[in-house]
Amino acid sequence: MLVALLLALAQSPQPTAPTPPPPPPSSTPGPEVAPVPPPPPPSAAEPGPQARSLYGLAITGVVVTYAGWLSSIIGWFASIDCHDRGFFDFKCSSSSAWLLFPIFGPWLALLTGGAKGDWVAGSVALGAIQLVGIASMIAGFVIKVPVPAEPVALGIVPTGNGLALSGRF
C-alpha cells in the first residue's frame, strides 16, 4: 500500500514554486537618456497670429454707398417736373420718393412702380452701386488677414542700366 501511495503522489501534478521577478538592470556606467517631457499646452497669455480687418475696403465701401445714395437724392430732385397750366394750377410729378432711402430705396422704387420710363435703368444702376458699396463695407470689416511678423520693405535702386527693385518679404 505504501508503494501505491508513493506512485500516486509521483504521478499527481506537483505545485510549482513562483518564479522570481527578473533582476533590475545593471547599474553599469553609461549615458543615461532622460525622458523628454511633453510640451506644455498653449496658454491664453500667448498671443496667436495677429490679424487685422481690411479697413481700406471698408472705407471704400462706405464712400461708394454714400455716393450712390447721394446720387439717388440728386436724381430724385432732378426728376421733379412741374407744369404750369395757369394761375395757381401747378401739376408736379417726380420719380418715387423711395429714392431718398439708402440701399433699399432704388429697389423699392422699382417694386412699387415709382420708377417709370428713363428712371428704371437709373434706379437699377443706383441700387447696384449701393449694394456693391454695402457689400464691400461689410466684407472689409468681417474678413481678417494675417499681419506679417516683419514689415515688407521695398526699394528702388538705380543701376547702370536702369532701376532695380529690391525688397524683403
Protein backbone atom coordinates (compact mmCIF):
# COMPACT_ATOMS: atom_id res chain seq x y z
CA MET A 1 0.00 0.00 0.00
CA LEU A 2 2.78 2.36 0.70
CA VAL A 3 4.12 1.77 -2.76
CA ALA A 4 0.75 2.61 -4.30
CA LEU A 5 0.59 5.83 -2.32
CA LEU A 6 4.08 6.82 -3.44
CA LEU A 7 3.21 6.09 -7.07
CA ALA A 8 0.03 8.17 -6.82
CA LEU A 9 1.99 11.09 -5.37
CA ALA A 10 4.61 10.78 -8.08
CA GLN A 11 2.02 10.89 -10.86
CA SER A 12 -0.01 13.76 -9.42
CA PRO A 13 0.94 17.27 -10.52
CA GLN A 14 3.32 18.95 -8.19
CA PRO A 15 2.75 22.58 -7.18
CA THR A 16 5.35 24.84 -8.76
CA ALA A 17 7.16 27.50 -6.93
CA PRO A 18 6.58 31.06 -8.13
CA THR A 19 9.28 32.35 -10.45
CA PRO A 20 11.24 35.24 -9.08
CA PRO A 21 11.00 38.61 -10.89
CA PRO A 22 13.77 39.48 -13.30
CA PRO A 23 16.74 41.20 -11.77
CA PRO A 24 16.90 45.01 -12.07
CA PRO A 25 19.03 46.40 -14.87
CA SER A 26 22.66 46.55 -14.05
CA SER A 27 23.96 49.88 -12.96
CA THR A 28 26.90 49.96 -15.29
CA PRO A 29 28.11 53.46 -16.08
CA GLY A 30 26.96 54.79 -19.42
CA PRO A 31 24.92 57.54 -20.97
CA GLU A 32 21.55 57.89 -19.36
CA VAL A 33 18.68 59.05 -21.51
CA ALA A 34 16.16 61.20 -19.70
CA PRO A 35 12.59 61.08 -20.98
CA VAL A 36 11.50 64.22 -22.82
CA PRO A 37 8.58 65.90 -21.09
CA PRO A 38 5.58 66.70 -23.31
CA PRO A 39 5.27 70.32 -24.44
CA PRO A 40 3.08 72.48 -22.22
CA PRO A 41 -0.40 73.25 -23.54
CA PRO A 42 -0.74 76.66 -25.17
CA SER A 43 -1.88 79.20 -22.67
CA ALA A 44 -4.25 82.05 -23.22
CA ALA A 45 -1.44 84.51 -22.47
CA GLU A 46 0.50 83.50 -25.57
CA PRO A 47 -0.75 85.57 -28.50
CA GLY A 48 -1.68 83.74 -31.67
CA PRO A 49 -1.02 85.05 -35.15
CA GLN A 50 -2.01 88.66 -35.50
CA ALA A 51 -4.88 89.52 -37.88
CA ARG A 52 -6.48 92.77 -38.93
CA SER A 53 -9.56 93.86 -40.85
CA LEU A 54 -9.43 95.27 -44.36
CA TYR A 55 -10.18 98.84 -43.36
CA GLY A 56 -9.29 100.18 -46.82
CA LEU A 57 -12.02 98.02 -48.38
CA ALA A 58 -14.49 99.05 -45.67
CA ILE A 59 -13.80 102.76 -46.18
CA THR A 60 -14.15 102.35 -49.94
CA GLY A 61 -17.49 100.63 -49.37
CA VAL A 62 -18.71 103.49 -47.19
CA VAL A 63 -17.70 106.05 -49.83
CA VAL A 64 -19.32 104.09 -52.69
CA THR A 65 -22.54 103.56 -50.71
CA TYR A 66 -22.71 107.21 -49.74
CA ALA A 67 -22.00 108.34 -53.32
CA GLY A 68 -24.77 106.07 -54.63
CA TRP A 69 -27.21 107.35 -52.04
CA LEU A 70 -26.29 110.98 -52.76
CA SER A 71 -26.80 110.27 -56.46
CA SER A 72 -30.25 108.87 -55.67
CA ILE A 73 -31.19 112.03 -53.78
CA ILE A 74 -29.90 114.26 -56.59
CA GLY A 75 -31.73 112.08 -59.11
CA TRP A 76 -34.98 112.40 -57.21
CA PHE A 77 -34.68 116.19 -57.19
CA ALA A 78 -33.77 116.16 -60.88
CA SER A 79 -36.87 114.09 -61.67
CA ILE A 80 -39.25 116.73 -60.34
CA ASP A 81 -41.21 118.05 -63.28
CA CYS A 82 -43.74 120.85 -62.78
CA HIS A 83 -46.16 122.09 -65.44
CA ASP A 84 -47.80 125.46 -65.22
CA ARG A 85 -51.35 125.26 -66.53
CA GLY A 86 -52.44 128.64 -65.38
CA PHE A 87 -52.66 130.79 -62.32
CA PHE A 88 -52.31 128.60 -59.20
CA ASP A 89 -52.66 125.48 -61.30
CA PHE A 90 -49.37 123.63 -60.98
CA LYS A 91 -49.00 119.95 -61.63
CA CYS A 92 -45.75 118.43 -60.40
CA SER A 93 -44.57 114.88 -60.67
CA SER A 94 -41.33 113.11 -59.85
CA SER A 95 -39.82 109.71 -59.58
CA SER A 96 -40.56 107.66 -56.48
CA ALA A 97 -39.70 109.16 -53.10
CA TRP A 98 -38.23 105.76 -52.23
CA LEU A 99 -35.02 107.01 -53.89
CA LEU A 100 -34.42 109.12 -50.79
CA PHE A 101 -33.80 105.98 -48.70
CA PRO A 102 -30.35 104.40 -48.82
CA ILE A 103 -29.60 100.86 -50.06
CA PHE A 104 -33.20 99.57 -50.44
CA GLY A 105 -34.74 102.77 -51.84
CA PRO A 106 -34.00 102.22 -55.54
CA TRP A 107 -35.25 98.61 -55.34
CA LEU A 108 -38.44 99.66 -53.54
CA ALA A 109 -38.97 102.34 -56.20
CA LEU A 110 -38.82 99.61 -58.84
CA LEU A 111 -41.11 97.25 -56.92
CA THR A 112 -43.77 99.87 -56.21
CA GLY A 113 -43.79 101.16 -59.78
CA GLY A 114 -42.47 104.58 -58.81
CA ALA A 115 -39.59 104.40 -61.26
CA LYS A 116 -41.02 104.83 -64.74
CA GLY A 117 -39.55 105.37 -68.18
CA ASP A 118 -35.95 106.50 -68.11
CA TRP A 119 -35.78 106.09 -64.35
CA VAL A 120 -35.94 102.28 -64.45
CA ALA A 121 -32.36 101.90 -65.69
CA GLY A 122 -31.20 104.66 -63.36
CA SER A 123 -32.84 103.03 -60.35
CA VAL A 124 -31.25 99.67 -61.20
CA ALA A 125 -27.82 101.32 -61.53
CA LEU A 126 -28.22 103.28 -58.28
CA GLY A 127 -29.40 100.18 -56.42
CA ALA A 128 -26.49 98.11 -57.76
CA ILE A 129 -23.96 100.78 -56.78
CA GLN A 130 -25.34 100.97 -53.25
CA LEU A 131 -25.41 97.16 -52.86
CA VAL A 132 -21.81 96.81 -54.06
CA GLY A 133 -20.79 99.55 -51.64
CA ILE A 134 -22.52 97.98 -48.63
CA ALA A 135 -21.16 94.52 -49.54
CA SER A 136 -17.58 95.79 -49.72
CA MET A 137 -18.04 97.68 -46.45
CA ILE A 138 -19.25 94.55 -44.66
CA ALA A 139 -16.51 92.43 -46.24
CA GLY A 140 -13.89 94.94 -45.15
CA PHE A 141 -14.93 94.63 -41.52
CA VAL A 142 -15.55 90.87 -41.49
CA ILE A 143 -12.58 89.48 -43.45
CA LYS A 144 -9.42 89.20 -41.36
CA VAL A 145 -5.97 88.98 -42.96
CA PRO A 146 -2.78 87.92 -41.17
CA VAL A 147 -0.29 90.60 -40.27
CA PRO A 148 3.27 89.72 -41.30
CA ALA A 149 5.75 89.32 -38.44
CA GLU A 150 8.23 91.55 -40.22
CA PRO A 151 7.20 94.53 -42.30
CA VAL A 152 7.66 94.35 -46.03
CA ALA A 153 10.44 96.61 -47.23
CA LEU A 154 10.70 97.60 -50.87
CA GLY A 155 13.24 99.82 -52.50
CA ILE A 156 14.19 101.04 -55.95
CA VAL A 157 17.90 101.20 -56.58
CA PRO A 158 19.45 102.91 -59.61
CA THR A 159 21.85 100.75 -61.59
CA GLY A 160 24.00 101.41 -64.60
CA ASN A 161 21.31 100.01 -66.91
CA GLY A 162 18.21 101.44 -65.23
CA LEU A 163 16.44 100.68 -61.98
CA ALA A 164 16.37 97.57 -59.81
CA LEU A 165 13.70 96.58 -57.34
CA SER A 166 14.93 95.24 -54.03
CA GLY A 167 12.93 94.09 -51.10
CA ARG A 168 12.49 91.96 -48.03
CA PHE A 169 9.36 89.87 -47.82
